[in-house]
Amino acid sequence: MAQEIKTVTVKIGDQDRVVEVRKPTPKIEAEANMAASKVFSKLVKEKGEDGKSAFILRSQLNTYLADIGIYTEQDIDDINTFSDRIKELEEFLSKGGKKKSEGKKAAIELRQLRYGIYSLLMRQTEYDKNTVEHYADNARMDYLVTKCICFDGGTPVFKSVADYEVDSIMQIALAEPIQVLAGMVSQYDPDFEKKLPENEFLKKYNYCDDKYRLVDADGNLIDGNGERIDEDGNLLEKKDKPVLVGEFEDDETETVEGESPFEPMVVSEPVAVILNTALPSDGYGIDIDPTAHEQTK
């Protein structure tokens, strides 16, 4: 079988160069994994000044984040609870045999749980770069870059990992080819969202559109409660107008000017100044410019 090769045009200095991104052979993959293993073995044995491990494992990350206050015990309990419930709902959808309305309810709950657990796990992102596995993954990727990114014709751009690590200019120039290579060797499935059981169910029974947004029987966008929404998720009235202000009842007695039904807010002096500053005659006084608009190591 021919080796998969993708070409990318990059600017190196003042010249446009064609760069080949070659999918690693099994031999190169094995060598890259060996490089990662060496880094892993080295770092897992390193000790800090206190005699404890200098680096943490990903399996220890949640406990570490709890110790420094990033995660609470409740957060960790929620992650475990959400994970268990996700497995339960996935099994429910896989078995079938129930009413569509029950399946829809399970699918929507499953979607909400995934988002909840994703939001919690996102806190790990900043700290994952300090784990042993992160450094090992980087070592693997660095080796693959030196073997799989080549000039047109097959000559590797970098002679060695050391050559790659010190050439920051070329690292920037080859950012796109490196991303292409990462996509080739990662376990990320571009059809991941499509294959989620809740999305398969919702799409099969026409409860969502091609973007997996919930819809009613007429194809209108709705939220998890079945209420119609617009493209931005704003709740709609029957006339398709975003609901920005709710309905208020008439006063039974005349309100004395200056009186308020609310308790006075206790605010700091700077906030009080802002709250008591009159708005400019042209509205909020905001000048809106209509034209205004990391692979970590």
Protein backbone atom coordinates (compact mmCIF):
# COMPACT_ATOMS: atom_id res chain seq x y z
CA MET A 1 0.00 0.00 0.00
CA ALA A 2 1.35 3.42 -0.99
CA GLN A 3 2.28 5.77 1.83
CA GLU A 4 -0.29 8.53 2.41
CA ILE A 5 1.23 11.91 1.53
CA LYS A 6 -0.33 15.36 1.78
CA THR A 7 1.28 18.50 0.39
CA VAL A 8 1.20 21.95 1.96
CA THR A 9 2.67 25.16 0.55
CA VAL A 10 4.48 27.23 3.18
CA LYS A 11 6.57 30.39 3.15
CA ILE A 12 10.15 29.83 4.23
CA GLY A 13 12.01 33.12 4.21
CA ASP A 14 10.93 34.87 1.02
CA GLN A 15 10.16 31.67 -0.86
CA ASP A 16 7.06 29.54 -1.19
CA ARG A 17 8.01 25.91 -0.66
CA VAL A 18 5.99 22.74 -1.10
CA VAL A 19 6.23 20.53 1.96
CA GLU A 20 5.19 16.89 2.09
CA VAL A 21 3.47 15.48 5.16
CA ARG A 22 3.94 11.71 5.13
CA LYS A 23 1.87 9.37 7.25
CA PRO A 24 4.34 7.48 9.47
CA THR A 25 5.12 3.88 8.64
CA PRO A 26 4.73 1.22 11.38
CA LYS A 27 8.51 1.34 11.85
CA ILE A 28 8.51 5.11 12.41
CA GLU A 29 5.50 4.82 14.72
CA ALA A 30 7.36 2.23 16.82
CA GLU A 31 10.45 4.46 17.00
CA ALA A 32 8.30 7.44 18.05
CA ASN A 33 6.64 5.37 20.78
CA MET A 34 10.07 4.33 22.01
CA ALA A 35 11.10 8.00 22.24
CA ALA A 36 7.95 8.70 24.27
CA SER A 37 8.63 5.72 26.56
CA LYS A 38 12.14 6.94 27.32
CA VAL A 39 10.84 10.36 28.37
CA PHE A 40 8.06 8.78 30.44
CA SER A 41 10.47 6.46 32.26
CA LYS A 42 12.88 9.31 32.97
CA LEU A 43 10.31 11.79 34.30
CA VAL A 44 8.34 9.34 36.40
CA LYS A 45 11.53 8.64 38.40
CA GLU A 46 12.54 12.27 38.93
CA LYS A 47 12.22 13.64 42.45
CA GLY A 48 11.83 17.19 43.67
CA GLU A 49 13.70 18.83 46.53
CA ASP A 50 11.13 17.46 48.96
CA GLY A 51 11.84 13.91 47.81
CA LYS A 52 8.44 13.57 46.15
CA SER A 53 7.80 13.00 42.45
CA ALA A 54 8.69 16.08 40.42
CA PHE A 55 5.91 15.36 37.90
CA ILE A 56 2.40 14.00 38.25
CA LEU A 57 0.54 11.42 36.21
CA ARG A 58 -2.75 12.18 34.51
CA SER A 59 -4.42 9.70 36.83
CA GLN A 60 -3.33 11.91 39.74
CA LEU A 61 -4.42 15.18 38.17
CA ASN A 62 -7.93 15.39 39.65
CA THR A 63 -6.62 14.80 43.16
CA TYR A 64 -3.89 17.40 42.62
CA LEU A 65 -6.40 19.97 41.36
CA ALA A 66 -8.59 19.30 44.39
CA ASP A 67 -5.61 19.81 46.70
CA ILE A 68 -4.87 23.26 45.22
CA GLY A 69 -8.52 24.29 45.12
CA ILE A 70 -9.19 24.08 41.38
CA TYR A 71 -11.58 21.18 41.89
CA THR A 72 -13.83 20.68 44.89
CA GLU A 73 -14.80 17.30 46.25
CA GLN A 74 -18.25 17.97 44.81
CA ASP A 75 -16.75 18.51 41.33
CA ILE A 76 -14.99 15.16 41.50
CA ASP A 77 -18.14 13.47 42.77
CA ASP A 78 -20.09 15.09 39.91
CA ILE A 79 -17.60 13.80 37.32
CA ASN A 80 -17.98 10.26 38.66
CA THR A 81 -21.77 10.56 38.92
CA PHE A 82 -22.07 11.99 35.40
CA SER A 83 -19.85 9.23 34.02
CA ASP A 84 -21.97 6.51 35.61
CA ARG A 85 -25.20 8.08 34.38
CA ILE A 86 -23.78 8.45 30.86
CA LYS A 87 -23.04 4.72 30.73
CA GLU A 88 -26.55 3.97 31.98
CA LEU A 89 -28.21 6.16 29.33
CA GLU A 90 -25.99 4.82 26.54
CA GLU A 91 -27.06 1.29 27.46
CA PHE A 92 -30.73 2.41 27.52
CA LEU A 93 -30.47 3.80 23.97
CA SER A 94 -28.59 0.77 22.67
CA LYS A 95 -31.26 -1.67 23.92
CA GLY A 96 -34.28 0.15 22.49
CA GLY A 97 -37.73 -1.33 22.92
CA LYS A 98 -39.13 1.78 24.61
CA LYS A 99 -41.28 4.68 23.44
CA LYS A 100 -39.65 7.31 21.22
CA SER A 101 -40.54 9.98 23.77
CA GLU A 102 -38.56 8.09 26.42
CA GLY A 103 -35.64 7.71 24.05
CA LYS A 104 -35.74 11.42 23.22
CA LYS A 105 -35.73 12.33 26.90
CA ALA A 106 -32.76 10.02 27.51
CA ALA A 107 -30.87 11.40 24.50
CA ILE A 108 -31.33 15.01 25.61
CA GLU A 109 -30.24 14.18 29.16
CA LEU A 110 -27.22 12.34 27.78
CA ARG A 111 -26.27 15.38 25.73
CA GLN A 112 -26.57 17.65 28.78
CA LEU A 113 -24.46 15.30 30.89
CA ARG A 114 -21.69 15.20 28.27
CA TYR A 115 -21.60 18.98 28.21
CA GLY A 116 -21.54 19.10 32.00
CA ILE A 117 -18.65 16.69 32.32
CA TYR A 118 -16.82 18.41 29.45
CA SER A 119 -17.10 21.76 31.25
CA LEU A 120 -15.66 20.26 34.41
CA LEU A 121 -12.82 18.46 32.63
CA MET A 122 -11.84 21.62 30.73
CA ARG A 123 -10.25 22.86 33.96
CA GLN A 124 -7.60 20.18 33.51
CA THR A 125 -6.36 21.61 30.21
CA GLU A 126 -4.03 24.22 31.65
CA TYR A 127 -2.52 21.77 34.13
CA ASP A 128 -2.24 18.75 31.85
CA LYS A 129 0.92 20.25 30.32
CA ASN A 130 2.69 19.47 33.59
CA THR A 131 1.94 15.74 33.49
CA VAL A 132 4.41 13.00 32.59
CA GLU A 133 2.15 11.87 29.74
CA HIS A 134 2.11 15.34 28.18
CA TYR A 135 5.91 15.44 27.96
CA ALA A 136 5.94 11.90 26.59
CA ASP A 137 3.34 12.83 23.96
CA ASN A 138 5.45 15.82 22.93
CA ALA A 139 8.52 13.61 22.56
CA ARG A 140 6.56 11.26 20.31
CA MET A 141 5.29 14.12 18.16
CA ASP A 142 8.72 15.77 17.92
CA TYR A 143 10.17 12.52 16.57
CA LEU A 144 7.37 12.14 14.02
CA VAL A 145 7.90 15.71 12.80
CA THR A 146 11.56 15.01 12.04
CA LYS A 147 10.70 11.87 10.08
CA CYS A 148 7.44 12.73 8.35
CA ILE A 149 7.68 16.38 7.28
CA CYS A 150 9.80 16.56 4.17
CA PHE A 151 10.66 18.87 1.33
CA ASP A 152 9.22 18.03 -2.06
CA GLY A 153 11.03 14.85 -3.04
CA GLY A 154 11.19 13.21 0.36
CA THR A 155 14.16 14.82 2.13
CA PRO A 156 13.28 15.49 5.81
CA VAL A 157 13.20 19.17 6.75
CA PHE A 158 14.94 18.46 10.07
CA LYS A 159 17.98 16.26 10.54
CA SER A 160 17.11 15.34 14.15
CA VAL A 161 14.86 16.14 17.08
CA ALA A 162 17.56 18.44 18.45
CA ASP A 163 17.67 20.26 15.11
CA TYR A 164 13.88 20.71 15.25
CA GLU A 165 13.81 21.88 18.87
CA VAL A 166 16.29 24.73 18.36
CA ASP A 167 14.81 26.05 15.09
CA SER A 168 11.90 28.15 16.33
CA ILE A 169 11.63 30.01 13.02
CA MET A 170 10.99 26.80 11.10
CA GLN A 171 8.59 25.61 13.78
CA ILE A 172 6.46 28.69 13.09
CA ALA A 173 6.80 28.35 9.31
CA LEU A 174 5.74 24.71 9.42
CA ALA A 175 2.83 25.16 11.85
CA GLU A 176 0.27 24.07 9.25
CA PRO A 177 2.11 20.91 8.12
CA ILE A 178 2.65 19.97 11.78
CA GLN A 179 -1.10 20.31 12.38
CA VAL A 180 -1.79 18.11 9.35
CA LEU A 181 0.58 15.49 10.72
CA ALA A 182 -1.05 15.67 14.15
CA GLY A 183 -4.38 14.94 12.48
CA MET A 184 -2.88 11.93 10.72
CA VAL A 185 -1.52 10.32 13.85
CA SER A 186 -4.09 11.33 16.46
CA GLN A 187 -6.94 9.12 17.56
CA TYR A 188 -9.43 11.91 16.98
CA ASP A 189 -12.36 10.80 14.84
CA PRO A 190 -13.79 13.65 12.71
CA ASP A 191 -17.13 11.79 12.81
CA PHE A 192 -17.05 11.56 16.62
CA GLU A 193 -20.11 13.77 17.11
CA LYS A 194 -22.06 11.89 14.46
CA LYS A 195 -21.38 8.56 16.17
CA LEU A 196 -22.55 9.61 19.63
CA PRO A 197 -25.56 7.41 20.51
CA GLU A 198 -27.73 10.38 21.48
CA ASN A 199 -27.10 12.06 18.13
CA GLU A 200 -27.70 8.84 16.22
CA PHE A 201 -31.06 8.47 17.99
CA LEU A 202 -32.09 12.12 17.55
CA LYS A 203 -31.13 12.10 13.85
CA LYS A 204 -32.79 8.71 13.18
CA TYR A 205 -36.14 9.92 14.49
CA ASN A 206 -35.85 13.48 13.06
CA TYR A 207 -35.52 15.17 16.44
CA CYS A 208 -32.46 17.16 15.27
CA ASP A 209 -31.14 18.73 12.08
CA ASP A 210 -27.90 18.00 10.22
CA LYS A 211 -26.00 20.11 12.77
CA TYR A 212 -27.53 18.02 15.60
CA ARG A 213 -29.59 20.98 16.85
CA LEU A 214 -32.96 19.99 18.32
CA VAL A 215 -35.95 20.66 16.06
CA ASP A 216 -39.71 20.18 16.28
CA ALA A 217 -41.92 18.28 13.81
CA ASP A 218 -41.87 21.29 11.45
CA GLY A 219 -38.09 21.62 11.52
CA ASN A 220 -38.04 24.69 13.78
CA LEU A 221 -35.17 25.02 16.26
CA ILE A 222 -36.16 24.26 19.85
CA ASP A 223 -34.46 24.01 23.22
CA GLY A 224 -34.40 21.01 25.54
CA ASN A 225 -37.84 21.98 26.88
CA GLY A 226 -39.40 22.05 23.42
CA GLU A 227 -39.63 25.86 23.26
CA ARG A 228 -38.81 27.51 19.93
CA ILE A 229 -35.53 29.40 19.72
CA ASP A 230 -33.68 31.40 17.08
CA GLU A 231 -30.24 30.66 15.56
CA ASP A 232 -28.55 32.24 18.58
CA GLY A 233 -30.55 30.23 21.12
CA ASN A 234 -32.89 33.10 22.10
CA LEU A 235 -36.37 32.03 23.17
CA LEU A 236 -39.02 33.02 20.60
CA GLU A 237 -42.59 34.16 20.93
CA LYS A 238 -45.20 32.93 18.49
CA LYS A 239 -44.27 35.82 16.16
CA ASP A 240 -40.64 34.70 16.09
CA LYS A 241 -39.42 37.69 18.06
CA PRO A 242 -36.77 37.16 20.74
CA VAL A 243 -38.24 37.49 24.24
CA LEU A 244 -36.11 40.23 25.79
CA VAL A 245 -38.61 41.65 28.31
CA GLY A 246 -41.34 39.70 30.14
CA GLU A 247 -44.91 40.77 30.83
CA PHE A 248 -45.71 42.91 33.90
CA GLU A 249 -49.03 43.35 35.73
CA ASP A 250 -50.73 46.71 36.18
CA ASP A 251 -50.33 48.39 39.58
CA GLU A 252 -53.42 48.08 41.80
CA THR A 253 -52.57 51.36 43.52
CA GLU A 254 -50.74 54.36 42.22
CA THR A 255 -47.05 54.24 42.98
CA VAL A 256 -45.62 57.33 44.62
CA GLU A 257 -42.90 58.82 42.46
CA GLY A 258 -39.51 57.94 43.81
CA GLU A 259 -40.65 54.80 45.65
CA SER A 260 -39.23 51.44 44.65
CA PRO A 261 -40.51 47.89 45.34
CA PHE A 262 -36.92 46.71 45.81
CA GLU A 263 -34.60 46.87 48.76
CA PRO A 264 -31.76 49.34 48.09
CA MET A 265 -28.56 47.72 46.78
CA VAL A 266 -25.43 48.02 48.86
CA VAL A 267 -22.63 48.70 46.41
CA SER A 268 -19.10 50.02 46.51
CA GLU A 269 -18.48 53.71 45.91
CA PRO A 270 -17.04 53.27 42.35
CA VAL A 271 -20.09 51.18 41.34
CA ALA A 272 -22.43 53.74 42.89
CA VAL A 273 -20.82 56.46 40.75
CA ILE A 274 -21.38 54.39 37.61
CA LEU A 275 -25.00 53.57 38.49
CA ASN A 276 -25.80 57.23 39.13
CA THR A 277 -24.12 58.52 35.97
CA ALA A 278 -26.64 59.57 33.31
CA LEU A 279 -26.36 57.88 29.94
CA PRO A 280 -25.27 60.11 27.03
CA SER A 281 -28.03 61.35 24.73
CA ASP A 282 -26.88 59.03 21.92
CA GLY A 283 -27.63 55.86 23.89
CA TYR A 284 -24.83 53.92 25.56
CA GLY A 285 -22.09 56.01 24.02
CA ILE A 286 -20.37 52.93 22.55
CA ASP A 287 -18.59 53.43 19.27
CA ILE A 288 -18.96 50.13 17.43
CA ASP A 289 -16.64 49.57 14.50
CA PRO A 290 -18.35 47.09 12.13
CA THR A 291 -15.01 46.30 10.51
CA ALA A 292 -13.33 45.41 13.79
CA HIS A 293 -13.42 42.35 14.21
CA GLU A 294 -1.59 26.56 20.20
CA GLN A 295 0.03 23.53 19.87
CA THR A 296 1.77 23.84 23.17
CA LYS A 297 5.28 22.63 23.76
